[in-house]
Structure formats: structure tokens, C-alpha cells
Amino acid sequence: MQTMERLGQILARDRVIGVVGLSPRPDRPSYTTSRYMQQHGYRIVPINPQAAGATILGEPVYASLAEAADALRAEGLRIQMVDCFRRSGDIPPIADEAVAIGATSLWMQLGIENDDAAAVALAAGLDVVMDRCVKIEHQRWQMQAGHPRTSADARPPGQPLPKR
């Protein structure tokens, strides 16, 4: 179980996020979550083999974490957090790639857990978060730190509250 303090440390440290499975569709959770994080000062690096070469949220889309890491290296940056919007069974090779590129955390979104992938990442020294939404945890962290919600945090009218 991750404490809010530890999640806050990860969110404060890891400002460049490789989002594996980022959809170009604005109605998808990967898009809305990434847009929120981008609006809060995080650099979003889209990873989606089907959309490689296009742009999502104004950022170039890469086919793999390795390709993205190489491109960012030219800017003097590196992917710090790997945020996974893929099925639980798809996570092991993503964890391997996260280790290979030198990421500092592996974050699996709500409903995504893979103990084998977590073990690989933990053994390599990465922080691992499973079954949590980075957007929700960022909002909680901001509220705990006393930052008021902004209009960027507001959900559209008629949208349900996120599950807890």
C-alpha cells in the first residue's frame, strides 16, 4: 500500500511521464488524465505504436519507450515515470522497457496490477504504483498540500465522480 506522502514524493519528483497506451481520442481516460497532468506542468510523452508519427496533446507520438527515450535524450531529458494504460497482462514488457530506459517509477492505472512486472521494476530500484489513477492521486496530493482546485481540475457537467 502506498501512502499519500510517498505518492506525493513520486509526483513531485517525476515530471516527465511516458504514457503507454495514450489514445488520440479525447473521450478516453488516457487522454483526459494526460491532458490534466500536462495542464499541471508535467511533460507528457505519448507512447502508442498505432499512432506513432502523429501528435497527441501537442507532443510527438512514439512507437516505444526506447524510441521516446532516445528522442528526449537529444533534448537533455529523460522519461521519469512510465504510466501504463494497458491490460495487466501487457505490463511485463513495459516494466522491462521502463528499467532499460532508466525510469524512476512504474505507475499502473486503476484496475491494472501485475506482480511479476512490479517485482522486476522494484528489483531495479523503481518505485511501483498499482491500481491507482495518477490524476486522482495528483488531485489528492494537491488538496493535502493546500492547493485549491483550479478550473482545469473540474470535470465536465454530467460526468460522474471517479470511483475510489
Protein backbone atom coordinates (compact mmCIF):
# COMPACT_ATOMS: atom_id res chain seq x y z
CA MET A 1 0.00 0.00 0.00
CA GLN A 2 1.36 3.38 -1.00
CA THR A 3 0.99 6.26 1.44
CA MET A 4 -0.13 9.67 0.25
CA GLU A 5 3.23 11.04 1.37
CA ARG A 6 5.10 8.54 -0.82
CA LEU A 7 2.80 9.13 -3.79
CA GLY A 8 3.35 12.87 -3.36
CA GLN A 9 7.11 12.34 -3.43
CA ILE A 10 6.83 10.43 -6.70
CA LEU A 11 4.55 13.08 -8.21
CA ALA A 12 6.91 15.88 -7.13
CA ARG A 13 10.00 14.10 -8.47
CA ASP A 14 8.80 12.54 -11.74
CA ARG A 15 7.83 15.42 -14.04
CA VAL A 16 8.35 13.71 -17.42
CA ILE A 17 5.78 10.97 -17.98
CA GLY A 18 5.86 8.37 -20.74
CA VAL A 19 2.22 7.37 -21.17
CA VAL A 20 2.00 3.89 -22.67
CA GLY A 21 -1.33 3.45 -24.41
CA LEU A 22 -2.18 7.15 -24.71
CA SER A 23 -5.16 7.38 -27.02
CA PRO A 24 -5.66 10.22 -29.50
CA ARG A 25 -9.39 10.13 -28.62
CA PRO A 26 -10.36 12.94 -26.20
CA ASP A 27 -13.09 10.77 -24.63
CA ARG A 28 -10.62 8.12 -23.41
CA PRO A 29 -9.30 8.10 -19.82
CA SER A 30 -5.68 8.02 -21.02
CA TYR A 31 -6.26 11.28 -22.90
CA THR A 32 -8.14 13.13 -20.15
CA THR A 33 -5.67 12.01 -17.49
CA SER A 34 -2.68 13.03 -19.61
CA ARG A 35 -4.26 16.37 -20.50
CA TYR A 36 -4.83 17.07 -16.80
CA MET A 37 -1.23 16.21 -15.92
CA GLN A 38 0.04 18.36 -18.81
CA GLN A 39 -2.09 21.27 -17.58
CA HIS A 40 -0.36 20.86 -14.23
CA GLY A 41 3.14 21.23 -15.62
CA TYR A 42 4.09 17.65 -16.44
CA ARG A 43 5.71 16.79 -19.77
CA ILE A 44 3.64 14.09 -21.44
CA VAL A 45 5.38 11.69 -23.82
CA PRO A 46 2.79 9.66 -25.78
CA ILE A 47 3.65 6.01 -26.47
CA ASN A 48 1.28 4.34 -28.93
CA PRO A 49 2.55 2.20 -31.83
CA GLN A 50 -0.70 2.69 -33.80
CA ALA A 51 -0.38 6.50 -33.64
CA ALA A 52 3.43 6.77 -33.95
CA GLY A 53 4.48 9.78 -36.01
CA ALA A 54 1.32 11.74 -35.19
CA THR A 55 0.87 14.15 -32.29
CA ILE A 56 -1.31 13.86 -29.20
CA LEU A 57 -1.72 16.82 -26.85
CA GLY A 58 0.80 18.68 -29.00
CA GLU A 59 3.52 16.10 -28.38
CA PRO A 60 5.01 13.66 -30.91
CA VAL A 61 3.86 10.07 -30.51
CA TYR A 62 6.45 7.31 -30.29
CA ALA A 63 6.11 3.60 -31.02
CA SER A 64 8.06 2.53 -27.92
CA LEU A 65 9.56 3.79 -24.69
CA ALA A 66 13.04 3.19 -26.11
CA GLU A 67 12.32 5.35 -29.17
CA ALA A 68 10.89 8.11 -26.96
CA ALA A 69 13.83 7.93 -24.56
CA ASP A 70 16.28 8.35 -27.46
CA ALA A 71 14.39 11.39 -28.76
CA LEU A 72 14.22 13.02 -25.33
CA ARG A 73 17.92 12.42 -24.74
CA ALA A 74 18.58 14.86 -27.58
CA GLU A 75 16.68 17.48 -25.52
CA GLY A 76 18.64 16.64 -22.39
CA LEU A 77 15.56 14.99 -20.83
CA ARG A 78 14.57 11.51 -19.77
CA ILE A 79 11.33 9.72 -19.05
CA GLN A 80 10.99 9.53 -15.29
CA MET A 81 7.57 7.94 -14.83
CA VAL A 82 6.10 5.25 -17.07
CA ASP A 83 2.30 5.48 -16.77
CA CYS A 84 0.52 2.38 -18.09
CA PHE A 85 -2.89 2.40 -19.77
CA ARG A 86 -2.63 -1.22 -20.94
CA ARG A 87 -4.10 -4.51 -19.76
CA SER A 88 -2.44 -6.13 -16.75
CA GLY A 89 -1.09 -8.94 -18.93
CA ASP A 90 0.67 -6.40 -21.17
CA ILE A 91 2.70 -4.85 -18.35
CA PRO A 92 5.77 -7.16 -18.07
CA PRO A 93 7.48 -5.99 -21.29
CA ILE A 94 6.61 -2.39 -20.38
CA ALA A 95 8.30 -2.88 -16.99
CA ASP A 96 11.36 -4.29 -18.76
CA GLU A 97 11.48 -1.24 -21.04
CA ALA A 98 11.00 1.13 -18.09
CA VAL A 99 14.01 -0.44 -16.41
CA ALA A 100 16.04 -0.33 -19.65
CA ILE A 101 15.44 3.40 -20.19
CA GLY A 102 16.26 4.29 -16.59
CA ALA A 103 12.80 5.39 -15.46
CA THR A 104 12.36 6.05 -11.76
CA SER A 105 8.76 4.86 -11.43
CA LEU A 106 6.27 2.47 -12.99
CA TRP A 107 2.65 3.55 -12.48
CA MET A 108 -0.22 1.21 -13.34
CA GLN A 109 -3.60 2.90 -13.65
CA LEU A 110 -6.86 1.86 -11.96
CA GLY A 111 -7.64 -1.81 -12.50
CA ILE A 112 -4.10 -2.63 -13.63
CA GLU A 113 -1.94 -4.86 -11.46
CA ASN A 114 0.89 -7.22 -12.35
CA ASP A 115 3.00 -8.61 -9.52
CA ASP A 116 5.67 -10.06 -11.83
CA ALA A 117 6.18 -6.72 -13.58
CA ALA A 118 6.22 -4.95 -10.21
CA ALA A 119 8.89 -7.33 -8.94
CA VAL A 120 11.10 -6.63 -11.97
CA ALA A 121 10.73 -2.87 -11.55
CA LEU A 122 11.26 -2.98 -7.78
CA ALA A 123 14.36 -5.15 -8.15
CA ALA A 124 15.79 -2.48 -10.49
CA GLY A 125 15.08 0.26 -7.94
CA LEU A 126 11.96 1.80 -9.49
CA ASP A 127 9.03 2.95 -7.39
CA VAL A 128 5.93 0.97 -8.31
CA VAL A 129 2.30 2.05 -8.02
CA MET A 130 -0.51 -0.32 -8.99
CA ASP A 131 -4.26 0.13 -9.36
CA ARG A 132 -4.24 3.91 -8.86
CA CYS A 133 -5.06 6.80 -11.16
CA VAL A 134 -2.25 9.35 -11.41
CA LYS A 135 -4.77 12.16 -11.95
CA ILE A 136 -6.81 11.27 -8.86
CA GLU A 137 -3.69 10.88 -6.75
CA HIS A 138 -2.35 14.22 -8.03
CA GLN A 139 -5.63 15.90 -7.07
CA ARG A 140 -5.49 14.34 -3.58
CA TRP A 141 -1.86 15.39 -3.18
CA GLN A 142 -2.66 18.96 -4.23
CA MET A 143 -5.60 19.14 -1.83
CA GLN A 144 -3.50 17.73 1.01
CA ALA A 145 -0.81 20.31 0.26
CA GLY A 146 -3.43 23.05 0.47
CA HIS A 147 -3.58 23.88 -3.23
CA PRO A 148 -7.11 24.83 -4.26
CA ARG A 149 -8.69 23.11 -7.23
CA THR A 150 -8.49 25.03 -10.47
CA SER A 151 -10.83 25.12 -13.42
CA ALA A 152 -8.52 22.58 -15.09
CA ASP A 153 -9.47 20.14 -12.29
CA ALA A 154 -13.20 20.48 -12.81
CA ARG A 155 -14.95 17.67 -14.62
CA PRO A 156 -17.45 18.48 -17.38
CA PRO A 157 -21.10 18.80 -16.28
CA GLY A 158 -22.86 15.47 -16.11
CA GLN A 159 -19.67 13.45 -15.62
CA PRO A 160 -19.69 11.05 -12.67
CA LEU A 161 -17.20 11.34 -9.86
CA PRO A 162 -14.25 8.96 -10.22
CA LYS A 163 -14.55 5.69 -8.30
CA ARG A 164 -12.44 5.34 -5.18
